[in-house]
Amino acid sequence: MITPEQRRIDPNYLITLAIVAETRNLSEAAKELGISQPGVSQQLKHLSDAVGQRLHVRSGHGVELSVAGEDLARRAREVYRSYRGVLDYVDSVAKGNDGLLLIAASNTVSAYILPRWLVRYRTKYPGVDLRTRSLNSKEVTELVVAGEFEVGVIESPSEVLPEGMLEIVVGGDHLVYVVRPELLGALPNQMLGWGEVARIPLILREAGSGVRRATEEALALSGLTPRLAIELAGGEAVKEAILQGVGGGFLSSLAVVREVAAHELVRVEIRELPPISRRFRVISRARETLSTPAARFIETAETAGAPEVE
């Protein structure tokens, strides 16, 4: 705890003493500090009063420090160096070249889109400490609204944001039904009726996932109901279960490019179900409240966008 007596020693006075010790001239010190020469003298007097000893004397050549002044100046230089470090850091943060940026992104975005944005951002602003977290869309929204993360990226069309929050669309994807070919005897891009597809267990993401919500909304709008559903946490778990032949499911078109190309999975169009398109959205608090690193990340995301796979 700093006592009232200790508070009499203003850190600004110590900085002034350090500069006077360096310049040995009140006029030059005043110029360095951007204050008047009488102001420098006044600060030194206040510091002398607080210490209880005279710290300097005027001489024909400028300023001479007393023994107590020289001793205190050695310690004051540490204060000045720390202060300069803080000023340099603040200046760097203001220019977007330093600081900390916390980003929360939905699982699909984290796996297939966020890495390319981070590479571009890191190339331009290598000094910014980037920290990311992968969650489902509902959790991402909650963290950004609560202010725990400055920027979020979601793909769920149903997340409602509080008034005044920033929301920018940066590309999108499609949800596609995929299954092991032997389970349906399906050919690539074959169209089947829901009755043929529904006999296969439907593997769903966990509640709160953008994929899960978009899937359920699309099925409900088309009046379709799965006979058996299995719930798994995370898109990779769902994809692995589908690859193992446990059932079929809806995944982002971005997530199954390799597996479809390798004929490990086939995409099946469902006759009664229209295409399920989604948009990825960058969300944050109001633009005017954003830090420079956050504002520049959003600019990077807008410029880079997201690849759309049919």
Protein backbone atom coordinates (compact mmCIF):
# COMPACT_ATOMS: atom_id res chain seq x y z
CA MET A 1 0.00 0.00 0.00
CA ILE A 2 1.30 3.46 -0.89
CA THR A 3 1.03 5.83 2.08
CA PRO A 4 -0.04 9.50 1.80
CA GLU A 5 3.57 10.53 2.48
CA GLN A 6 4.84 8.31 -0.32
CA ARG A 7 2.24 9.70 -2.70
CA ARG A 8 3.97 13.07 -2.40
CA ILE A 9 6.66 11.65 -4.71
CA ASP A 10 5.01 11.99 -8.09
CA PRO A 11 6.52 9.60 -10.70
CA ASN A 12 6.64 12.57 -13.09
CA TYR A 13 9.09 14.29 -10.73
CA LEU A 14 11.38 11.27 -10.87
CA ILE A 15 11.28 11.33 -14.68
CA THR A 16 12.14 15.03 -14.58
CA LEU A 17 15.09 14.34 -12.27
CA ALA A 18 16.35 11.57 -14.56
CA ILE A 19 16.28 13.91 -17.58
CA VAL A 20 17.93 16.73 -15.64
CA ALA A 21 20.67 14.31 -14.57
CA GLU A 22 21.15 13.40 -18.23
CA THR A 23 21.10 16.93 -19.71
CA ARG A 24 22.57 18.85 -16.76
CA ASN A 25 20.55 21.79 -18.06
CA LEU A 26 17.11 22.95 -17.01
CA SER A 27 16.32 24.50 -20.38
CA GLU A 28 17.19 21.33 -22.30
CA ALA A 29 15.29 19.22 -19.79
CA ALA A 30 12.24 21.47 -20.23
CA LYS A 31 12.46 21.05 -24.00
CA GLU A 32 12.71 17.26 -23.64
CA LEU A 33 9.72 17.14 -21.31
CA GLY A 34 7.63 19.63 -23.29
CA ILE A 35 7.08 21.91 -20.30
CA SER A 36 8.43 25.30 -19.23
CA GLN A 37 11.75 25.77 -17.46
CA PRO A 38 9.99 27.14 -14.34
CA GLY A 39 7.88 23.97 -14.43
CA VAL A 40 11.02 21.84 -14.28
CA SER A 41 12.35 23.88 -11.36
CA GLN A 42 9.00 23.56 -9.55
CA GLN A 43 8.96 19.78 -9.96
CA LEU A 44 12.50 19.48 -8.63
CA LYS A 45 11.55 21.63 -5.65
CA HIS A 46 8.52 19.43 -4.89
CA LEU A 47 10.72 16.34 -5.12
CA SER A 48 13.35 17.91 -2.82
CA ASP A 49 10.62 18.76 -0.31
CA ALA A 50 9.28 15.20 -0.44
CA VAL A 51 12.74 13.68 0.03
CA GLY A 52 13.75 16.22 2.65
CA GLN A 53 17.07 17.04 1.01
CA ARG A 54 18.25 19.46 -1.63
CA LEU A 55 18.77 17.54 -4.87
CA HIS A 56 20.35 20.13 -7.16
CA VAL A 57 22.04 23.49 -7.33
CA ARG A 58 22.34 25.93 -10.21
CA SER A 59 25.83 26.52 -11.54
CA GLY A 60 27.38 28.67 -14.20
CA HIS A 61 27.44 25.67 -16.52
CA GLY A 62 23.90 24.48 -15.85
CA VAL A 63 22.82 22.16 -13.04
CA GLU A 64 24.82 20.16 -10.50
CA LEU A 65 23.18 17.37 -8.54
CA SER A 66 23.89 16.93 -4.86
CA VAL A 67 25.03 13.58 -3.52
CA ALA A 68 21.40 12.79 -2.61
CA GLY A 69 20.31 13.97 -6.06
CA GLU A 70 22.83 11.72 -7.84
CA ASP A 71 21.78 8.76 -5.70
CA LEU A 72 18.08 9.29 -6.38
CA ALA A 73 18.72 9.98 -10.07
CA ARG A 74 20.25 6.52 -10.51
CA ARG A 75 16.98 5.01 -9.34
CA ALA A 76 14.88 7.54 -11.24
CA ARG A 77 16.51 6.41 -14.51
CA GLU A 78 14.84 3.01 -14.04
CA VAL A 79 11.47 4.76 -13.76
CA TYR A 80 12.23 6.73 -16.92
CA ARG A 81 13.29 3.63 -18.88
CA SER A 82 10.12 1.82 -17.82
CA TYR A 83 8.03 4.84 -18.76
CA ARG A 84 9.66 5.02 -22.20
CA GLY A 85 8.96 1.31 -22.63
CA VAL A 86 5.29 1.86 -21.82
CA LEU A 87 5.08 4.77 -24.28
CA ASP A 88 6.71 2.71 -27.03
CA TYR A 89 4.32 -0.17 -26.34
CA VAL A 90 1.24 2.09 -26.37
CA ASP A 91 2.40 3.66 -29.62
CA SER A 92 2.94 0.22 -31.16
CA VAL A 93 -0.50 -0.97 -30.03
CA ALA A 94 -2.11 2.17 -31.44
CA LYS A 95 -0.50 1.40 -34.79
CA GLY A 96 -1.66 -2.24 -34.62
CA ASN A 97 1.86 -3.62 -34.41
CA ASP A 98 1.63 -4.96 -30.87
CA GLY A 99 -0.92 -6.06 -28.28
CA LEU A 100 -3.11 -9.07 -27.57
CA LEU A 101 -6.04 -10.30 -29.68
CA LEU A 102 -8.44 -13.01 -28.48
CA ILE A 103 -10.46 -14.73 -31.20
CA ALA A 104 -13.18 -17.34 -30.71
CA ALA A 105 -14.34 -19.27 -33.76
CA SER A 106 -16.79 -22.05 -34.50
CA ASN A 107 -15.29 -25.48 -35.11
CA THR A 108 -15.80 -25.38 -38.88
CA VAL A 109 -14.23 -21.95 -39.19
CA SER A 110 -11.36 -22.89 -36.87
CA ALA A 111 -10.50 -25.95 -38.93
CA TYR A 112 -10.93 -24.75 -42.51
CA ILE A 113 -10.89 -20.94 -42.66
CA LEU A 114 -9.25 -19.31 -39.66
CA PRO A 115 -5.73 -20.66 -40.39
CA ARG A 116 -5.50 -18.80 -43.72
CA TRP A 117 -6.65 -15.57 -42.06
CA LEU A 118 -4.10 -15.98 -39.27
CA VAL A 119 -1.25 -16.52 -41.73
CA ARG A 120 -2.15 -13.31 -43.59
CA TYR A 121 -2.54 -11.37 -40.38
CA ARG A 122 0.70 -12.67 -38.85
CA THR A 123 2.61 -11.72 -42.01
CA LYS A 124 1.49 -8.10 -41.71
CA TYR A 125 1.43 -7.74 -37.91
CA PRO A 126 3.95 -10.19 -36.41
CA GLY A 127 4.10 -8.38 -33.08
CA VAL A 128 0.48 -9.06 -32.09
CA ASP A 129 -0.06 -11.94 -29.67
CA LEU A 130 -2.88 -14.01 -31.23
CA ARG A 131 -4.84 -16.46 -29.11
CA THR A 132 -7.73 -18.47 -30.52
CA ARG A 133 -10.33 -20.85 -29.14
CA SER A 134 -12.50 -23.32 -31.05
CA LEU A 135 -16.09 -23.74 -29.83
CA ASN A 136 -19.56 -24.12 -31.27
CA SER A 137 -21.39 -21.06 -32.59
CA LYS A 138 -23.58 -20.59 -29.52
CA GLU A 139 -20.57 -20.61 -27.18
CA VAL A 140 -18.61 -18.23 -29.43
CA THR A 141 -21.49 -15.75 -29.43
CA GLU A 142 -21.81 -15.89 -25.65
CA LEU A 143 -18.11 -15.22 -25.11
CA VAL A 144 -18.02 -12.25 -27.49
CA VAL A 145 -21.19 -10.72 -26.02
CA ALA A 146 -19.70 -11.14 -22.53
CA GLY A 147 -16.51 -9.38 -23.67
CA GLU A 148 -14.22 -12.33 -22.92
CA PHE A 149 -13.16 -12.48 -26.58
CA GLU A 150 -12.94 -9.39 -28.76
CA VAL A 151 -13.74 -11.10 -32.07
CA GLY A 152 -15.79 -14.17 -32.93
CA VAL A 153 -16.56 -16.06 -36.13
CA ILE A 154 -19.73 -18.15 -36.38
CA GLU A 155 -21.70 -19.91 -39.06
CA SER A 156 -25.04 -20.34 -37.40
CA PRO A 157 -27.76 -18.23 -39.06
CA SER A 158 -29.93 -18.33 -35.95
CA GLU A 159 -27.66 -16.65 -33.39
CA VAL A 160 -29.28 -13.32 -32.49
CA LEU A 161 -26.87 -10.57 -31.48
CA PRO A 162 -27.60 -7.69 -29.10
CA GLU A 163 -28.29 -4.34 -30.71
CA GLY A 164 -25.20 -2.36 -31.62
CA MET A 165 -22.90 -5.31 -32.21
CA LEU A 166 -20.89 -5.57 -35.41
CA GLU A 167 -21.74 -8.38 -37.83
CA ILE A 168 -19.95 -8.92 -41.15
CA VAL A 169 -20.56 -11.75 -43.64
CA VAL A 170 -17.31 -13.23 -45.00
CA GLY A 171 -18.27 -16.06 -47.34
CA GLY A 172 -20.00 -19.30 -46.52
CA ASP A 173 -20.45 -22.98 -47.25
CA HIS A 174 -23.09 -25.62 -47.89
CA LEU A 175 -24.12 -28.50 -45.69
CA VAL A 176 -23.98 -31.76 -47.60
CA TYR A 177 -25.20 -35.21 -46.69
CA VAL A 178 -22.36 -37.74 -46.86
CA VAL A 179 -22.21 -41.46 -46.22
CA ARG A 180 -20.01 -44.47 -46.89
CA PRO A 181 -20.90 -45.56 -50.43
CA GLU A 182 -21.57 -49.16 -49.44
CA LEU A 183 -24.27 -48.19 -46.94
CA LEU A 184 -26.61 -46.94 -49.69
CA GLY A 185 -24.97 -48.29 -52.80
CA ALA A 186 -24.89 -44.62 -53.69
CA LEU A 187 -23.01 -43.05 -56.55
CA PRO A 188 -21.39 -39.60 -56.27
CA ASN A 189 -23.97 -36.77 -56.44
CA GLN A 190 -26.78 -39.31 -56.71
CA MET A 191 -30.24 -38.07 -55.75
CA LEU A 192 -32.25 -40.26 -53.39
CA GLY A 193 -35.53 -39.92 -51.56
CA TRP A 194 -35.64 -39.28 -47.81
CA GLY A 195 -37.17 -42.70 -47.25
CA GLU A 196 -33.99 -44.35 -48.57
CA VAL A 197 -31.70 -42.06 -46.61
CA ALA A 198 -33.64 -42.09 -43.32
CA ARG A 199 -33.10 -45.81 -42.75
CA ILE A 200 -29.45 -44.98 -42.09
CA PRO A 201 -28.72 -43.55 -38.60
CA LEU A 202 -28.28 -39.77 -38.78
CA ILE A 203 -25.18 -38.58 -36.95
CA LEU A 204 -25.61 -35.07 -35.53
CA ARG A 205 -23.34 -32.50 -33.94
CA GLU A 206 -23.92 -31.40 -30.35
CA ALA A 207 -26.61 -28.86 -29.47
CA GLY A 208 -25.41 -25.29 -30.03
CA SER A 209 -23.43 -26.22 -33.12
CA GLY A 210 -24.12 -24.19 -36.24
CA VAL A 211 -24.18 -27.39 -38.31
CA ARG A 212 -26.67 -29.00 -35.94
CA ARG A 213 -28.97 -26.01 -35.92
CA ALA A 214 -28.92 -25.52 -39.69
CA THR A 215 -29.53 -29.24 -40.22
CA GLU A 216 -32.51 -29.39 -37.87
CA GLU A 217 -34.05 -26.20 -39.27
CA ALA A 218 -33.74 -27.46 -42.86
CA LEU A 219 -35.23 -30.86 -42.03
CA ALA A 220 -38.08 -29.29 -40.07
CA LEU A 221 -38.93 -26.86 -42.88
CA SER A 222 -39.10 -29.80 -45.29
CA GLY A 223 -41.16 -31.91 -42.88
CA LEU A 224 -38.45 -34.57 -42.57
CA THR A 225 -37.66 -36.52 -39.41
CA PRO A 226 -34.78 -39.00 -38.90
CA ARG A 227 -35.72 -42.41 -37.60
CA LEU A 228 -32.57 -42.73 -35.51
CA ALA A 229 -30.13 -39.99 -34.55
CA ILE A 230 -26.75 -40.25 -32.86
CA GLU A 231 -25.21 -37.15 -31.25
CA LEU A 232 -21.46 -36.56 -31.16
CA ALA A 233 -19.41 -33.54 -30.06
CA GLY A 234 -17.36 -31.89 -32.78
CA GLY A 235 -17.29 -32.07 -36.54
CA GLU A 236 -14.25 -34.35 -36.68
CA ALA A 237 -15.98 -36.89 -34.43
CA VAL A 238 -19.03 -36.86 -36.71
CA LYS A 239 -16.90 -37.26 -39.82
CA GLU A 240 -14.91 -40.11 -38.31
CA ALA A 241 -18.11 -41.93 -37.31
CA ILE A 242 -19.42 -41.55 -40.88
CA LEU A 243 -16.11 -42.83 -42.26
CA GLN A 244 -16.39 -45.85 -39.98
CA GLY A 245 -19.81 -46.64 -41.43
CA VAL A 246 -21.81 -45.84 -38.29
CA GLY A 247 -24.28 -43.76 -40.30
CA GLY A 248 -24.62 -40.72 -42.53
CA GLY A 249 -24.72 -37.05 -41.69
CA PHE A 250 -24.59 -33.43 -42.74
CA LEU A 251 -21.20 -31.75 -42.76
CA SER A 252 -19.72 -28.59 -44.17
CA SER A 253 -18.78 -28.92 -47.81
CA LEU A 254 -15.35 -27.61 -46.74
CA ALA A 255 -14.88 -30.53 -44.35
CA VAL A 256 -15.30 -33.41 -46.80
CA VAL A 257 -13.45 -32.26 -49.92
CA ARG A 258 -10.63 -34.81 -49.54
CA GLU A 259 -12.83 -37.71 -48.49
CA VAL A 260 -15.22 -37.21 -51.40
CA ALA A 261 -12.32 -36.86 -53.85
CA ALA A 262 -10.83 -40.11 -52.50
CA HIS A 263 -14.25 -41.85 -52.79
CA GLU A 264 -14.21 -42.65 -49.08
CA LEU A 265 -17.51 -40.79 -48.80
CA VAL A 266 -20.20 -39.91 -51.31
CA ARG A 267 -22.40 -36.83 -51.35
CA VAL A 268 -26.06 -37.67 -51.71
CA GLU A 269 -28.65 -35.14 -52.77
CA ILE A 270 -31.95 -35.65 -50.97
CA ARG A 271 -34.93 -35.17 -53.24
CA GLU A 272 -37.20 -33.53 -50.66
CA LEU A 273 -34.49 -31.28 -49.18
CA PRO A 274 -33.42 -27.97 -50.77
CA PRO A 275 -29.71 -27.04 -50.61
CA ILE A 276 -28.57 -25.88 -47.17
CA SER A 277 -26.46 -22.75 -47.57
CA ARG A 278 -24.83 -20.85 -44.72
CA ARG A 279 -22.88 -17.65 -44.26
CA PHE A 280 -19.87 -17.21 -42.01
CA ARG A 281 -20.14 -14.11 -39.86
CA VAL A 282 -17.47 -12.16 -38.02
CA ILE A 283 -18.97 -10.68 -34.87
CA SER A 284 -17.67 -8.19 -32.33
CA ARG A 285 -18.76 -5.26 -30.26
CA ALA A 286 -19.30 -1.91 -31.98
CA ARG A 287 -16.52 -0.99 -34.41
CA GLU A 288 -15.61 2.20 -32.53
CA THR A 289 -14.79 0.16 -29.40
CA LEU A 290 -12.43 -2.25 -31.16
CA SER A 291 -8.71 -2.30 -30.50
CA THR A 292 -6.51 -1.66 -33.51
CA PRO A 293 -5.41 -5.35 -33.69
CA ALA A 294 -9.07 -6.43 -33.71
CA ALA A 295 -10.08 -3.91 -36.36
CA ARG A 296 -7.21 -5.01 -38.59
CA PHE A 297 -8.09 -8.68 -38.11
CA ILE A 298 -11.63 -8.00 -39.28
CA GLU A 299 -10.22 -6.16 -42.31
CA THR A 300 -8.05 -9.22 -43.04
CA ALA A 301 -11.05 -11.55 -42.79
CA GLU A 302 -13.12 -9.34 -45.10
CA THR A 303 -10.33 -9.19 -47.67
CA ALA A 304 -9.44 -12.90 -47.57
CA GLY A 305 -13.02 -14.17 -47.33
CA ALA A 306 -13.80 -17.87 -47.24
CA PRO A 307 -13.60 -20.39 -50.09
CA GLU A 308 -17.02 -21.65 -51.15
CA VAL A 309 -17.21 -25.29 -52.11
CA GLU A 310 -20.29 -26.42 -53.98
